[in-house]
Each structure stands twice: as C-alpha cells, then as structure tokens.
Protein backbone atom coordinates (compact mmCIF):
# COMPACT_ATOMS: atom_id res chain seq x y z
CA MET A 1 0.00 0.00 0.00
CA SER A 2 2.64 2.45 -1.07
CA GLU A 3 1.74 6.13 -0.90
CA SER A 4 3.88 6.80 -4.00
CA ASN A 5 1.86 4.29 -6.04
CA PRO A 6 -1.78 4.63 -4.98
CA TYR A 7 -2.92 2.11 -7.57
CA MET A 8 -1.01 -0.94 -6.40
CA MET A 9 -2.80 -4.00 -7.73
CA VAL A 10 -1.55 -6.86 -5.59
CA GLY A 11 -4.78 -8.67 -4.73
CA GLU A 12 -4.55 -11.19 -7.61
CA ARG A 13 -8.31 -10.90 -8.11
CA LEU A 14 -10.34 -7.87 -9.24
CA CYS A 15 -12.53 -7.96 -6.13
CA MET A 16 -9.45 -8.04 -3.86
CA ASP A 17 -7.91 -5.01 -5.57
CA TYR A 18 -11.23 -3.23 -5.30
CA ILE A 19 -11.39 -3.93 -1.57
CA ASN A 20 -7.84 -2.61 -1.25
CA THR A 21 -8.78 0.90 -2.32
CA VAL A 22 -8.44 1.97 1.30
CA SER A 23 -4.87 2.45 2.49
CA TRP A 24 -3.96 1.59 6.10
CA ARG A 25 -7.43 0.18 6.78
CA GLU A 26 -6.73 -0.60 10.41
CA SER A 27 -5.13 2.71 11.36
CA ALA A 28 -7.40 5.50 12.60
CA GLN A 29 -4.67 8.07 11.93
CA LYS A 30 -3.33 6.94 8.54
CA ARG A 31 -6.44 5.41 6.94
CA SER A 32 -7.07 6.89 3.50
CA ASP A 33 -9.95 6.16 1.10
CA TRP A 34 -9.01 6.40 -2.56
CA PHE A 35 -12.60 6.96 -3.68
CA THR A 36 -13.01 10.58 -2.66
CA SER A 37 -15.04 11.35 -5.78
CA TYR A 38 -16.83 9.64 -8.63
CA ALA A 39 -13.96 10.69 -10.91
CA LYS A 40 -11.54 8.76 -8.65
CA LEU A 41 -13.72 5.66 -8.93
CA VAL A 42 -13.66 5.97 -12.71
CA ASP A 43 -9.90 6.55 -12.73
CA TRP A 44 -9.28 3.40 -10.67
CA SER A 45 -11.63 1.44 -12.96
CA ILE A 46 -9.47 2.37 -15.96
CA HIS A 47 -6.36 1.17 -14.14
CA ALA A 48 -8.11 -2.10 -13.22
CA ASP A 49 -9.17 -2.65 -16.87
CA VAL A 50 -12.83 -2.49 -15.92
CA LEU A 51 -13.39 0.55 -18.13
CA THR A 52 -11.74 1.73 -21.32
CA GLU A 53 -10.49 5.30 -21.67
CA ARG A 54 -13.38 6.09 -23.99
CA GLN A 55 -15.97 4.65 -21.59
CA ALA A 56 -14.41 6.59 -18.75
CA GLN A 57 -14.55 9.88 -20.64
CA GLU A 58 -18.23 9.31 -21.42
CA LEU A 59 -18.99 8.56 -17.78
CA ILE A 60 -17.19 11.66 -16.54
CA ILE A 61 -19.29 13.80 -18.90
CA LYS A 62 -22.48 12.09 -17.69
CA ALA A 63 -21.39 12.54 -14.06
CA GLU A 64 -20.93 16.27 -14.59
CA GLU A 65 -24.43 16.43 -16.08
CA LYS A 66 -25.95 14.38 -13.23
CA PRO A 67 -23.96 15.09 -10.06
CA ALA A 68 -26.62 13.71 -7.71
CA GLU A 69 -26.74 10.37 -9.55
CA SER A 70 -22.97 10.06 -9.70
CA ALA A 71 -22.76 10.80 -5.96
CA HIS A 72 -25.31 8.04 -5.34
CA VAL A 73 -23.30 5.57 -7.44
CA LEU A 74 -20.15 6.49 -5.51
CA ASN A 75 -21.94 5.76 -2.23
CA GLN A 76 -23.16 2.44 -3.64
CA ALA A 77 -19.65 1.57 -4.79
CA ILE A 78 -18.24 2.23 -1.32
CA GLU A 79 -21.03 0.27 0.35
CA LEU A 80 -20.38 -2.70 -1.94
CA ARG A 81 -16.66 -2.51 -1.25
CA GLU A 82 -17.13 -2.43 2.51
CA VAL A 83 -19.52 -5.38 2.69
CA MET A 84 -17.12 -7.34 0.47
CA TYR A 85 -14.27 -6.41 2.80
CA ARG A 86 -16.11 -7.60 5.89
CA ILE A 87 -17.05 -10.90 4.25
CA PHE A 88 -13.61 -11.68 2.87
CA ARG A 89 -11.78 -10.50 5.98
CA THR A 90 -13.87 -12.94 8.02
CA ILE A 91 -13.06 -15.70 5.52
CA SER A 92 -9.34 -14.87 5.77
CA MET A 93 -9.66 -15.52 9.52
CA GLU A 94 -11.20 -18.93 8.73
CA GLN A 95 -14.53 -17.90 10.18
CA GLU A 96 -18.01 -17.77 8.70
CA PRO A 97 -19.35 -14.37 7.63
CA LEU A 98 -22.37 -13.06 9.48
CA GLN A 99 -25.67 -13.80 7.79
CA GLU A 100 -26.56 -10.12 7.83
CA GLU A 101 -23.43 -9.38 5.76
CA ILE A 102 -24.42 -12.05 3.24
CA GLU A 103 -27.88 -10.47 3.03
CA LEU A 104 -26.36 -7.05 2.35
CA PHE A 105 -24.18 -8.56 -0.35
CA ASN A 106 -27.20 -10.28 -1.86
CA VAL A 107 -28.89 -6.93 -2.31
CA PHE A 108 -26.18 -6.12 -4.87
CA VAL A 109 -26.38 -9.60 -6.38
CA ARG A 110 -30.10 -9.19 -6.99
CA GLN A 111 -29.59 -5.69 -8.35
CA TYR A 112 -26.92 -6.53 -10.91
CA TYR A 113 -27.40 -10.18 -11.80
CA GLN A 114 -30.72 -9.40 -13.41
CA LEU A 115 -28.55 -7.75 -16.08
CA LEU A 116 -26.81 -11.02 -17.02
CA GLN A 117 -27.42 -12.37 -20.47
CA LEU A 118 -26.02 -15.21 -22.57
CA SER A 119 -24.11 -14.24 -25.70
CA GLN A 120 -22.54 -16.48 -28.33
CA GLU A 121 -19.03 -16.19 -29.69
CA LYS A 122 -17.71 -18.25 -32.61
CA ASP A 123 -17.15 -21.45 -30.67
CA HIS A 124 -18.39 -20.78 -27.16
CA PHE A 125 -20.93 -18.92 -25.03
CA LEU A 126 -20.40 -16.13 -22.53
CA LEU A 127 -22.37 -14.68 -19.66
CA GLU A 128 -22.20 -10.91 -19.94
CA PHE A 129 -23.79 -7.95 -18.18
CA LYS A 130 -26.00 -5.97 -20.50
CA CYS A 131 -26.09 -2.21 -20.11
CA SER A 132 -27.72 -0.93 -16.95
CA LYS A 133 -30.41 1.72 -17.05
CA ASN A 134 -27.87 3.83 -15.17
CA PRO A 135 -24.58 3.69 -17.11
CA LEU A 136 -22.83 5.57 -14.28
CA GLU A 137 -22.68 2.30 -12.32
CA GLY A 138 -21.25 0.33 -15.24
CA MET A 139 -18.00 -0.55 -13.43
CA LEU A 140 -19.74 -2.29 -10.52
CA PRO A 141 -21.23 -5.50 -12.09
CA PRO A 142 -17.87 -7.03 -13.15
CA ILE A 143 -16.42 -6.27 -9.71
CA LEU A 144 -19.39 -7.95 -8.07
CA GLN A 145 -19.05 -10.92 -10.42
CA SER A 146 -15.40 -11.31 -9.41
CA ALA A 147 -16.44 -11.54 -5.76
CA VAL A 148 -19.27 -13.99 -6.49
CA ASP A 149 -17.00 -16.23 -8.58
CA LEU A 150 -14.52 -16.39 -5.71
CA LEU A 151 -17.15 -17.03 -3.06
CA VAL A 152 -18.87 -19.87 -4.91
CA SER A 153 -15.61 -21.68 -5.69
CA LYS A 154 -15.34 -24.52 -3.19
CA SER A 155 -11.59 -24.26 -2.66
CA ASP A 156 -10.39 -20.93 -4.05
CA PHE A 157 -12.00 -18.76 -1.39
CA LYS A 158 -9.79 -20.52 1.18
CA ARG A 159 -6.82 -18.81 -0.45
CA VAL A 160 -8.07 -15.38 0.64
CA LYS A 161 -5.59 -13.94 3.14
CA ARG A 162 -5.04 -10.76 5.07
CA CYS A 163 -1.67 -8.98 4.94
CA GLU A 164 0.31 -9.51 8.13
CA GLY A 165 1.70 -5.98 8.00
CA ASP A 166 0.84 -3.88 11.05
CA LEU A 167 -2.34 -1.88 10.44
CA CYS A 168 -2.29 -2.66 6.69
CA GLY A 169 -5.56 -4.56 6.44
CA TRP A 170 -5.23 -5.36 2.74
CA LEU A 171 -6.55 -8.67 1.43
CA PHE A 172 -5.18 -10.84 -1.34
CA PHE A 173 -5.71 -14.14 -3.14
CA ASP A 174 -2.72 -16.36 -2.40
CA THR A 175 -1.55 -17.89 -5.69
CA SER A 176 1.62 -19.40 -4.22
CA ARG A 177 1.90 -23.17 -4.61
CA ASN A 178 2.22 -23.87 -0.89
CA ARG A 179 -0.03 -21.01 0.22
CA SER A 180 2.82 -19.31 2.04
CA ARG A 181 2.28 -15.68 1.01
CA ARG A 182 2.14 -13.35 4.04
CA TRP A 183 2.25 -9.80 2.72
CA CYS A 184 0.28 -7.61 0.35
CA SER A 185 3.67 -6.86 -1.23
CA MET A 186 7.20 -7.90 -0.30
CA ALA A 187 8.37 -4.51 -1.55
CA ASP A 188 6.08 -2.76 0.93
CA CYS A 189 4.80 -4.45 4.08
CA GLY A 190 7.24 -7.32 3.63
CA ASN A 191 10.22 -4.98 3.60
CA ARG A 192 8.93 -3.06 6.60
CA ALA A 193 8.62 -6.29 8.59
CA LYS A 194 12.10 -7.35 7.49
CA ALA A 195 13.58 -3.99 8.53
CA ARG A 196 11.80 -4.22 11.89
CA ARG A 197 13.27 -7.68 12.53
CA PHE A 198 16.79 -6.46 11.74
CA TYR A 199 16.31 -3.45 14.03
CA GLN A 200 15.09 -5.60 16.90
CA LYS A 201 17.92 -8.06 16.35
CA ASP A 202 20.56 -5.29 16.43
CA LYS A 203 18.92 -3.71 19.43
C-alpha cells in the first residue's frame, strides 16, 4: 500500500484489488480512502481494466451532467466494497461471515445479476452484463461478479488472506503453490517487517 503508487494491484483478483482501495485500513490516523469522488472511482476502474479510456470519458461527462446520480453511485460503490471487505476479511480468519453481511451482499447480487445475459461467440458462449439503465454504475457489475465467482468456488476462497503488516488490512488471493504468502507486497509491508526484525535483532 505504497503512498507513491496509490494504484497498487496486488490482490490477484479484481474484487481483492477493489477492496484494497483503502490504504492503512486498520489505522485511525493513517487510513485513507481512494474513492473521494466519482472521478476517482472511474480513474481506478481504468487502471483495473474495468473501463476503457473512452468509456471513462463518457462517464465523466455524464457525471458532470448528473452530479446527484454520480454521488449516489459512488456511495453504492463504497457500500459494496465495505460489505465485500467484511465478508472476505472474516473468511481470511477462517470464520463464517455473518448472515446479515451475506444479506447485504445479496442486495447487490439481486440488483446486478438481473442484467446477465447469454451471448454467443464463434465457438463458445459467454455470460455478460447488459447495459444498466444507469450507465454511471457500469464498473460495478464485473467487480461484483469477481467476488461472487470467488465465493462460490469450493476451494479458491480458502486462499483469501489478510496482509500480516501492522495496520495494513489489505486482502489478497494467495496464488503461491504452498499457500505461504504473508504480505500484500514484499516490496512494501514485507520490507517493513524485514527492517523491523533487523532493528530488533541489532537492538
């Protein structure tokens, strides 16, 4: 969660990177939310390959024309992120999420999965989200789908882990063969922990 690179994508899954758009989650003093505006949400969505540059430009124009609607979408985006965080953080602790959190998550599932439709490519079929009545929320369905795909996988969701860095709070999908990953990034929290160990050893 480097301050010099606010768009670190280390979660290994879209939903994990989306959850990690709050730096220093567990620090009251240092906590910082990246989504301070609808434009910031759009900007992150470009970086995450959820939106193209052209789509993003169109959404920014629409947001300027409908500031109340874009503010509502931003609030929805943050609410979705936070319920996902609480669910996956609980899973990373090898505990069962609260039923009330699942119900909150299902509100979004019911809202966006009604937009799913089957489309045919040359030699296969795809499930795709058709356009919402409110294009300003167009980045949210694929993020939700990423979380659903992870949750319904019988073994993959067990690879969700929480960074061991003090006050970091970031989550990630452990792709290591022996499930030994401990940090959001070795170059960040990993290095800080290493430096702390050396300091304590010398001391």
